[in-house]
Amino acid sequence: MAVWFFGLSGLMVLNSQVSKRWAQRGLRIKRVDEATGLSWTTLGAGESPAYADVVIVMDQLPKSRLGINLVHKQRKVSRVVVREAFNAGWRVGDEVLEVEGKQVRSNAAAQRAVRRALKRHARAGGSLKFKVRRWAVRDGSRGMLQLTKDGHREHLVPMVDIVRGVLKDYQAVLFMEGTLQKPNSRLSRLIIRALDAQRVAFKAIDCSDEKANPGIRKIAKEVSGEEA
């Protein structure tokens, strides 16, 4: 991953090969609409199916809990509430397919299987293995990300771990002051225009919004080693 830093006016973490790789894989990204910030993507030849099966292995269990919540009467993850679960790879929207190699077909079956797995772990230790189904199509839009819901945290995952997860989940992330619609500096505007001109899909985090993104400057420095 290539990294460029632009001080207070905009720290950018960007994989400079992203547009080339996407072109090779056949993902077509249309021009971003400046007024709305929206763009559309379509799958090209050779692209993977919309969903992918992902294996999650948990070596550490916080207080003998899995650390996730499921949607009522579904196998879909609604919240990832602890650091260990997030770092193991759980994400909101994951659909649980297997627990310890055994298929589960309902919310109740998933909960029973998890309880059995937790009891076994309490007796014998070792890791727990899960298989989930996850949306696998690359996000070809550009938009703003917030680390909390208007300042409200519904999880115990440290913000620095969330940012590291964001850097893994998205091909390009721009740390800036202001929003994509109203950047606070000329340099940020130039960076946004350059990314749009190359049709690179990217996400941005407003480092000046401490309510939505508490501690983001310190976190950006920690993950990059540079001031933001």
C-alpha atoms as a PDB file:
ATOM      1  CA  MET A   1       0.000   0.000   0.000  1.00  0.00           C
ATOM      2  CA  ALA A   2       1.431   3.353  -1.026  1.00  0.00           C
ATOM      3  CA  VAL A   3       0.962   6.119   1.536  1.00  0.00           C
ATOM      4  CA  TRP A   4       0.982   9.901   1.183  1.00  0.00           C
ATOM      5  CA  PHE A   5       0.562  12.389   4.021  1.00  0.00           C
ATOM      6  CA  PHE A   6      -0.668  15.953   3.648  1.00  0.00           C
ATOM      7  CA  GLY A   7      -0.605  17.308   7.200  1.00  0.00           C
ATOM      8  CA  LEU A   8      -3.634  18.957   8.762  1.00  0.00           C
ATOM      9  CA  SER A   9      -5.375  19.648   5.488  1.00  0.00           C
ATOM     10  CA  GLY A  10      -5.726  16.032   4.474  1.00  0.00           C
ATOM     11  CA  LEU A  11      -3.946  12.766   5.212  1.00  0.00           C
ATOM     12  CA  MET A  12      -4.458  10.229   2.464  1.00  0.00           C
ATOM     13  CA  VAL A  13      -3.901   6.506   2.580  1.00  0.00           C
ATOM     14  CA  LEU A  14      -4.199   5.229  -0.974  1.00  0.00           C
ATOM     15  CA  ASN A  15      -3.339   2.080  -2.839  1.00  0.00           C
ATOM     16  CA  SER A  16      -2.011   3.584  -6.049  1.00  0.00           C
ATOM     17  CA  GLN A  17      -2.565   0.380  -7.999  1.00  0.00           C
ATOM     18  CA  VAL A  18      -6.275   0.111  -7.206  1.00  0.00           C
ATOM     19  CA  SER A  19      -7.614   1.483 -10.487  1.00  0.00           C
ATOM     20  CA  LYS A  20      -5.275  -0.740 -12.506  1.00  0.00           C
ATOM     21  CA  ARG A  21      -6.261  -3.887 -10.592  1.00  0.00           C
ATOM     22  CA  TRP A  22      -9.953  -3.104 -10.828  1.00  0.00           C
ATOM     23  CA  ALA A  23      -9.624  -2.586 -14.566  1.00  0.00           C
ATOM     24  CA  GLN A  24      -7.891  -5.956 -14.874  1.00  0.00           C
ATOM     25  CA  ARG A  25     -10.669  -7.640 -12.893  1.00  0.00           C
ATOM     26  CA  GLY A  26     -13.319  -6.070 -15.084  1.00  0.00           C
ATOM     27  CA  LEU A  27     -15.031  -3.810 -12.561  1.00  0.00           C
ATOM     28  CA  ARG A  28     -16.472  -0.778 -14.333  1.00  0.00           C
ATOM     29  CA  ILE A  29     -16.862   2.417 -12.327  1.00  0.00           C
ATOM     30  CA  LYS A  30     -18.879   5.274 -13.758  1.00  0.00           C
ATOM     31  CA  ARG A  31     -18.100   8.931 -13.189  1.00  0.00           C
ATOM     32  CA  VAL A  32     -18.935  10.180  -9.703  1.00  0.00           C
ATOM     33  CA  ASP A  33     -21.718  12.746  -9.638  1.00  0.00           C
ATOM     34  CA  GLU A  34     -20.254  15.881  -8.031  1.00  0.00           C
ATOM     35  CA  ALA A  35     -23.633  17.136  -6.810  1.00  0.00           C
ATOM     36  CA  THR A  36     -24.789  13.968  -5.062  1.00  0.00           C
ATOM     37  CA  GLY A  37     -21.525  12.111  -4.456  1.00  0.00           C
ATOM     38  CA  LEU A  38     -23.100   8.971  -5.891  1.00  0.00           C
ATOM     39  CA  SER A  39     -21.638   6.534  -8.371  1.00  0.00           C
ATOM     40  CA  TRP A  40     -22.638   3.156  -9.762  1.00  0.00           C
ATOM     41  CA  THR A  41     -20.683  -0.030 -10.350  1.00  0.00           C
ATOM     42  CA  THR A  42     -21.317  -3.143 -12.404  1.00  0.00           C
ATOM     43  CA  LEU A  43     -19.599  -6.493 -12.470  1.00  0.00           C
ATOM     44  CA  GLY A  44     -17.448  -7.168 -15.485  1.00  0.00           C
ATOM     45  CA  ALA A  45     -16.267 -10.392 -17.066  1.00  0.00           C
ATOM     46  CA  GLY A  46     -14.519 -12.714 -14.650  1.00  0.00           C
ATOM     47  CA  GLU A  47     -15.845 -11.050 -11.510  1.00  0.00           C
ATOM     48  CA  SER A  48     -16.663 -13.168  -8.467  1.00  0.00           C
ATOM     49  CA  PRO A  49     -20.259 -13.846  -7.348  1.00  0.00           C
ATOM     50  CA  ALA A  50     -21.963 -11.226  -5.223  1.00  0.00           C
ATOM     51  CA  TYR A  51     -21.369 -13.217  -2.038  1.00  0.00           C
ATOM     52  CA  ALA A  52     -18.317 -15.000  -0.685  1.00  0.00           C
ATOM     53  CA  ASP A  53     -17.973 -17.539   2.124  1.00  0.00           C
ATOM     54  CA  VAL A  54     -15.515 -16.404   4.796  1.00  0.00           C
ATOM     55  CA  VAL A  55     -13.981 -18.524   7.571  1.00  0.00           C
ATOM     56  CA  ILE A  56     -13.582 -16.847  10.972  1.00  0.00           C
ATOM     57  CA  VAL A  57     -11.388 -18.389  13.668  1.00  0.00           C
ATOM     58  CA  MET A  58     -11.591 -17.064  17.228  1.00  0.00           C
ATOM     59  CA  ASP A  59      -8.723 -17.888  19.567  1.00  0.00           C
ATOM     60  CA  GLN A  60      -9.812 -15.498  22.312  1.00  0.00           C
ATOM     61  CA  LEU A  61     -13.295 -15.248  23.786  1.00  0.00           C
ATOM     62  CA  PRO A  62     -14.114 -12.212  25.968  1.00  0.00           C
ATOM     63  CA  LYS A  63     -15.666 -13.508  29.201  1.00  0.00           C
ATOM     64  CA  SER A  64     -16.658 -16.739  27.434  1.00  0.00           C
ATOM     65  CA  ARG A  65     -18.832 -14.795  24.997  1.00  0.00           C
ATOM     66  CA  LEU A  66     -18.747 -14.632  21.235  1.00  0.00           C
ATOM     67  CA  GLY A  67     -19.152 -10.863  21.226  1.00  0.00           C
ATOM     68  CA  ILE A  68     -21.690 -10.492  18.408  1.00  0.00           C
ATOM     69  CA  ASN A  69     -25.462 -10.006  18.182  1.00  0.00           C
ATOM     70  CA  LEU A  70     -27.796 -11.517  15.595  1.00  0.00           C
ATOM     71  CA  VAL A  71     -30.870  -9.988  14.002  1.00  0.00           C
ATOM     72  CA  HIS A  72     -34.047 -11.389  15.599  1.00  0.00           C
ATOM     73  CA  LYS A  73     -35.066 -14.651  13.902  1.00  0.00           C
ATOM     74  CA  GLN A  74     -32.188 -14.375  11.424  1.00  0.00           C
ATOM     75  CA  ARG A  75     -28.602 -15.598  11.165  1.00  0.00           C
ATOM     76  CA  LYS A  76     -27.370 -12.138  10.190  1.00  0.00           C
ATOM     77  CA  VAL A  77     -24.963 -10.248  12.461  1.00  0.00           C
ATOM     78  CA  SER A  78     -26.477  -6.966  13.677  1.00  0.00           C
ATOM     79  CA  ARG A  79     -23.660  -5.795  15.968  1.00  0.00           C
ATOM     80  CA  VAL A  80     -20.034  -6.614  16.690  1.00  0.00           C
ATOM     81  CA  VAL A  81     -19.652  -5.471  20.275  1.00  0.00           C
ATOM     82  CA  VAL A  82     -16.161  -6.461  21.436  1.00  0.00           C
ATOM     83  CA  ARG A  83     -12.624  -6.046  20.184  1.00  0.00           C
ATOM     84  CA  GLU A  84     -11.808  -9.751  20.008  1.00  0.00           C
ATOM     85  CA  ALA A  85     -14.749 -10.485  17.711  1.00  0.00           C
ATOM     86  CA  PHE A  86     -13.958  -7.544  15.432  1.00  0.00           C
ATOM     87  CA  ASN A  87     -10.279  -8.439  15.169  1.00  0.00           C
ATOM     88  CA  ALA A  88     -11.150 -12.065  14.451  1.00  0.00           C
ATOM     89  CA  GLY A  89     -13.001 -10.842  11.372  1.00  0.00           C
ATOM     90  CA  TRP A  90     -16.678 -10.562  12.303  1.00  0.00           C
ATOM     91  CA  ARG A  91     -18.524  -7.787  10.479  1.00  0.00           C
ATOM     92  CA  VAL A  92     -22.079  -6.437  10.598  1.00  0.00           C
ATOM     93  CA  GLY A  93     -24.129  -8.104   7.865  1.00  0.00           C
ATOM     94  CA  ASP A  94     -22.341 -11.459   8.012  1.00  0.00           C
ATOM     95  CA  GLU A  95     -24.733 -14.401   7.706  1.00  0.00           C
ATOM     96  CA  VAL A  96     -23.720 -17.364   9.872  1.00  0.00           C
ATOM     97  CA  LEU A  97     -23.573 -20.598   7.863  1.00  0.00           C
ATOM     98  CA  GLU A  98     -21.580 -22.972  10.084  1.00  0.00           C
ATOM     99  CA  VAL A  99     -20.497 -23.236  13.705  1.00  0.00           C
ATOM    100  CA  GLU A 100     -17.579 -25.590  14.348  1.00  0.00           C
ATOM    101  CA  GLY A 101     -18.060 -27.189  10.939  1.00  0.00           C
ATOM    102  CA  LYS A 102     -21.771 -27.894  11.441  1.00  0.00           C
ATOM    103  CA  GLN A 103     -24.353 -26.141   9.296  1.00  0.00           C
ATOM    104  CA  VAL A 104     -26.958 -23.950  11.000  1.00  0.00           C
ATOM    105  CA  ARG A 105     -30.177 -23.034   9.203  1.00  0.00           C
ATOM    106  CA  SER A 106     -31.916 -20.685  11.638  1.00  0.00           C
ATOM    107  CA  ASN A 107     -31.315 -18.164  14.385  1.00  0.00           C
ATOM    108  CA  ALA A 108     -32.270 -20.726  17.021  1.00  0.00           C
ATOM    109  CA  ALA A 109     -29.958 -23.361  15.538  1.00  0.00           C
ATOM    110  CA  ALA A 110     -27.097 -20.873  15.430  1.00  0.00           C
ATOM    111  CA  GLN A 111     -27.605 -19.912  19.067  1.00  0.00           C
ATOM    112  CA  ARG A 112     -27.734 -23.550  20.183  1.00  0.00           C
ATOM    113  CA  ALA A 113     -24.570 -24.355  18.245  1.00  0.00           C
ATOM    114  CA  VAL A 114     -22.767 -21.344  19.706  1.00  0.00           C
ATOM    115  CA  ARG A 115     -23.761 -22.308  23.261  1.00  0.00           C
ATOM    116  CA  ARG A 116     -22.400 -25.819  22.724  1.00  0.00           C
ATOM    117  CA  ALA A 117     -19.196 -24.419  21.240  1.00  0.00           C
ATOM    118  CA  LEU A 118     -18.726 -22.038  24.161  1.00  0.00           C
ATOM    119  CA  LYS A 119     -19.192 -24.867  26.680  1.00  0.00           C
ATOM    120  CA  ARG A 120     -16.641 -26.993  24.848  1.00  0.00           C
ATOM    121  CA  HIS A 121     -14.227 -24.072  24.767  1.00  0.00           C
ATOM    122  CA  ALA A 122     -14.695 -23.518  28.515  1.00  0.00           C
ATOM    123  CA  ARG A 123     -13.829 -27.174  29.194  1.00  0.00           C
ATOM    124  CA  ALA A 124     -11.035 -27.814  26.728  1.00  0.00           C
ATOM    125  CA  GLY A 125      -9.940 -24.430  25.376  1.00  0.00           C
ATOM    126  CA  GLY A 126      -8.767 -24.115  21.802  1.00  0.00           C
ATOM    127  CA  SER A 127     -10.175 -22.002  18.992  1.00  0.00           C
ATOM    128  CA  LEU A 128     -13.686 -21.762  17.570  1.00  0.00           C
ATOM    129  CA  LYS A 129     -14.332 -21.837  13.836  1.00  0.00           C
ATOM    130  CA  PHE A 130     -17.209 -20.270  11.948  1.00  0.00           C
ATOM    131  CA  LYS A 131     -18.206 -19.890   8.332  1.00  0.00           C
ATOM    132  CA  VAL A 132     -20.156 -16.818   7.267  1.00  0.00           C
ATOM    133  CA  ARG A 133     -21.489 -15.463   4.004  1.00  0.00           C
ATOM    134  CA  ARG A 134     -20.532 -11.892   3.188  1.00  0.00           C
ATOM    135  CA  TRP A 135     -21.313  -9.424   0.409  1.00  0.00           C
ATOM    136  CA  ALA A 136     -18.215  -9.575  -1.771  1.00  0.00           C
ATOM    137  CA  VAL A 137     -18.756  -6.990  -4.492  1.00  0.00           C
ATOM    138  CA  ARG A 138     -16.337  -4.096  -4.176  1.00  0.00           C
ATOM    139  CA  ASP A 139     -17.912  -0.840  -3.099  1.00  0.00           C
ATOM    140  CA  GLY A 140     -17.505   1.376  -6.138  1.00  0.00           C
ATOM    141  CA  SER A 141     -18.945   4.533  -4.605  1.00  0.00           C
ATOM    142  CA  ARG A 142     -17.304   7.397  -2.816  1.00  0.00           C
ATOM    143  CA  GLY A 143     -18.668   8.628   0.488  1.00  0.00           C
ATOM    144  CA  MET A 144     -18.056   9.701   4.066  1.00  0.00           C
ATOM    145  CA  LEU A 145     -17.475   7.244   6.908  1.00  0.00           C
ATOM    146  CA  GLN A 146     -18.268   7.850  10.581  1.00  0.00           C
ATOM    147  CA  LEU A 147     -16.808   5.818  13.436  1.00  0.00           C
ATOM    148  CA  THR A 148     -19.909   6.309  15.602  1.00  0.00           C
ATOM    149  CA  LYS A 149     -23.590   6.973  15.073  1.00  0.00           C
ATOM    150  CA  ASP A 150     -23.714  10.720  15.753  1.00  0.00           C
ATOM    151  CA  GLY A 151     -21.373  10.260  18.687  1.00  0.00           C
ATOM    152  CA  HIS A 152     -23.179   7.262  20.188  1.00  0.00           C
ATOM    153  CA  ARG A 153     -21.161   4.057  20.555  1.00  0.00           C
ATOM    154  CA  GLU A 154     -23.066   0.768  20.549  1.00  0.00           C
ATOM    155  CA  HIS A 155     -19.975  -1.411  20.885  1.00  0.00           C
ATOM    156  CA  LEU A 156     -16.768  -1.869  22.894  1.00  0.00           C
ATOM    157  CA  VAL A 157     -14.453  -2.105  19.895  1.00  0.00           C
ATOM    158  CA  PRO A 158     -11.583   0.416  20.263  1.00  0.00           C
ATOM    159  CA  MET A 159     -11.680   3.135  17.618  1.00  0.00           C
ATOM    160  CA  VAL A 160      -8.146   2.344  16.486  1.00  0.00           C
ATOM    161  CA  ASP A 161      -9.210  -1.206  15.639  1.00  0.00           C
ATOM    162  CA  ILE A 162     -12.174   0.108  13.667  1.00  0.00           C
ATOM    163  CA  VAL A 163      -9.863   2.366  11.649  1.00  0.00           C
ATOM    164  CA  ARG A 164      -7.516  -0.543  10.957  1.00  0.00           C
ATOM    165  CA  GLY A 165     -10.544  -2.519   9.804  1.00  0.00           C
ATOM    166  CA  VAL A 166     -11.597   0.348   7.541  1.00  0.00           C
ATOM    167  CA  LEU A 167      -8.148   0.388   5.933  1.00  0.00           C
ATOM    168  CA  LYS A 168      -8.495  -3.337   5.252  1.00  0.00           C
ATOM    169  CA  ASP A 169     -12.076  -3.156   4.010  1.00  0.00           C
ATOM    170  CA  TYR A 170     -11.651  -0.247   1.583  1.00  0.00           C
ATOM    171  CA  GLN A 171      -9.113   0.182  -1.183  1.00  0.00           C
ATOM    172  CA  ALA A 172      -8.640   3.913  -0.633  1.00  0.00           C
ATOM    173  CA  VAL A 173      -9.326   6.075   2.423  1.00  0.00           C
ATOM    174  CA  LEU A 174      -8.892   9.853   2.668  1.00  0.00           C
ATOM    175  CA  PHE A 175      -8.414  11.454   6.090  1.00  0.00           C
ATOM    176  CA  MET A 176      -9.425  15.075   5.656  1.00  0.00           C
ATOM    177  CA  GLU A 177     -10.974  18.112   7.337  1.00  0.00           C
ATOM    178  CA  GLY A 178     -14.514  18.774   6.200  1.00  0.00           C
ATOM    179  CA  THR A 179     -16.703  16.687   3.926  1.00  0.00           C
ATOM    180  CA  LEU A 180     -16.508  15.652   0.297  1.00  0.00           C
ATOM    181  CA  GLN A 181     -19.152  18.266  -0.503  1.00  0.00           C
ATOM    182  CA  LYS A 182     -17.430  20.969   1.593  1.00  0.00           C
ATOM    183  CA  PRO A 183     -13.704  20.284   2.083  1.00  0.00           C
ATOM    184  CA  ASN A 184     -12.007  22.770   4.395  1.00  0.00           C
ATOM    185  CA  SER A 185      -8.833  23.201   2.359  1.00  0.00           C
ATOM    186  CA  ARG A 186      -7.724  23.696  -1.216  1.00  0.00           C
ATOM    187  CA  LEU A 187      -5.419  20.674  -0.976  1.00  0.00           C
ATOM    188  CA  SER A 188      -8.295  18.402   0.024  1.00  0.00           C
ATOM    189  CA  ARG A 189     -10.318  19.665  -2.947  1.00  0.00           C
ATOM    190  CA  LEU A 190      -7.407  18.941  -5.286  1.00  0.00           C
ATOM    191  CA  ILE A 191      -7.006  15.404  -3.910  1.00  0.00           C
ATOM    192  CA  ILE A 192     -10.723  14.699  -4.320  1.00  0.00           C
ATOM    193  CA  ARG A 193     -10.677  15.984  -7.884  1.00  0.00           C
ATOM    194  CA  ALA A 194      -7.618  13.882  -8.691  1.00  0.00           C
ATOM    195  CA  LEU A 195      -9.255  10.715  -7.357  1.00  0.00           C
ATOM    196  CA  ASP A 196     -12.479  11.463  -9.212  1.00  0.00           C
ATOM    197  CA  ALA A 197     -10.574  12.162 -12.425  1.00  0.00           C
ATOM    198  CA  GLN A 198      -9.012   8.693 -12.180  1.00  0.00           C
ATOM    199  CA  ARG A 199     -12.414   7.199 -11.337  1.00  0.00           C
ATOM    200  CA  VAL A 200     -11.059   5.768  -8.114  1.00  0.00           C
ATOM    201  CA  ALA A 201     -13.747   4.821  -5.602  1.00  0.00           C
ATOM    202  CA  PHE A 202     -12.744   5.941  -2.118  1.00  0.00           C
ATOM    203  CA  LYS A 203     -14.035   6.712   1.363  1.00  0.00           C
ATOM    204  CA  ALA A 204     -13.271   9.748   3.506  1.00  0.00           C
ATOM    205  CA  ILE A 205     -13.210  10.456   7.253  1.00  0.00           C
ATOM    206  CA  ASP A 206     -13.655  13.980   8.628  1.00  0.00           C
ATOM    207  CA  CYS A 207     -10.837  14.523  11.140  1.00  0.00           C
ATOM    208  CA  SER A 208     -12.436  17.778  12.334  1.00  0.00           C
ATOM    209  CA  ASP A 209     -15.634  16.037  13.488  1.00  0.00           C
ATOM    210  CA  GLU A 210     -14.659  14.857  16.971  1.00  0.00           C
ATOM    211  CA  LYS A 211     -18.254  14.023  17.845  1.00  0.00           C
ATOM    212  CA  ALA A 212     -18.681  11.454  15.092  1.00  0.00           C
ATOM    213  CA  ASN A 213     -15.020  10.399  15.011  1.00  0.00           C
ATOM    214  CA  PRO A 214     -13.635  10.769  18.552  1.00  0.00           C
ATOM    215  CA  GLY A 215      -9.847  10.743  18.753  1.00  0.00           C
ATOM    216  CA  ILE A 216      -9.439  10.379  14.989  1.00  0.00           C
ATOM    217  CA  ARG A 217      -6.300  12.575  14.776  1.00  0.00           C
ATOM    218  CA  LYS A 218      -4.473  10.517  17.385  1.00  0.00           C
ATOM    219  CA  ILE A 219      -5.675   7.304  15.755  1.00  0.00           C
ATOM    220  CA  ALA A 220      -4.518   8.412  12.304  1.00  0.00           C
ATOM    221  CA  LYS A 221      -1.095   9.162  13.763  1.00  0.00           C
ATOM    222  CA  GLU A 222      -0.962   5.762  15.478  1.00  0.00           C
ATOM    223  CA  VAL A 223      -1.843   3.736  12.378  1.00  0.00           C
ATOM    224  CA  SER A 224       0.386   5.760  10.067  1.00  0.00           C
ATOM    225  CA  GLY A 225       3.178   7.115  12.224  1.00  0.00           C
ATOM    226  CA  GLU A 226       2.475  10.604  10.870  1.00  0.00           C
ATOM    227  CA  GLU A 227       0.541  13.646  12.040  1.00  0.00           C
ATOM    228  CA  ALA A 228      -2.956  14.098  10.597  1.00  0.00           C
END
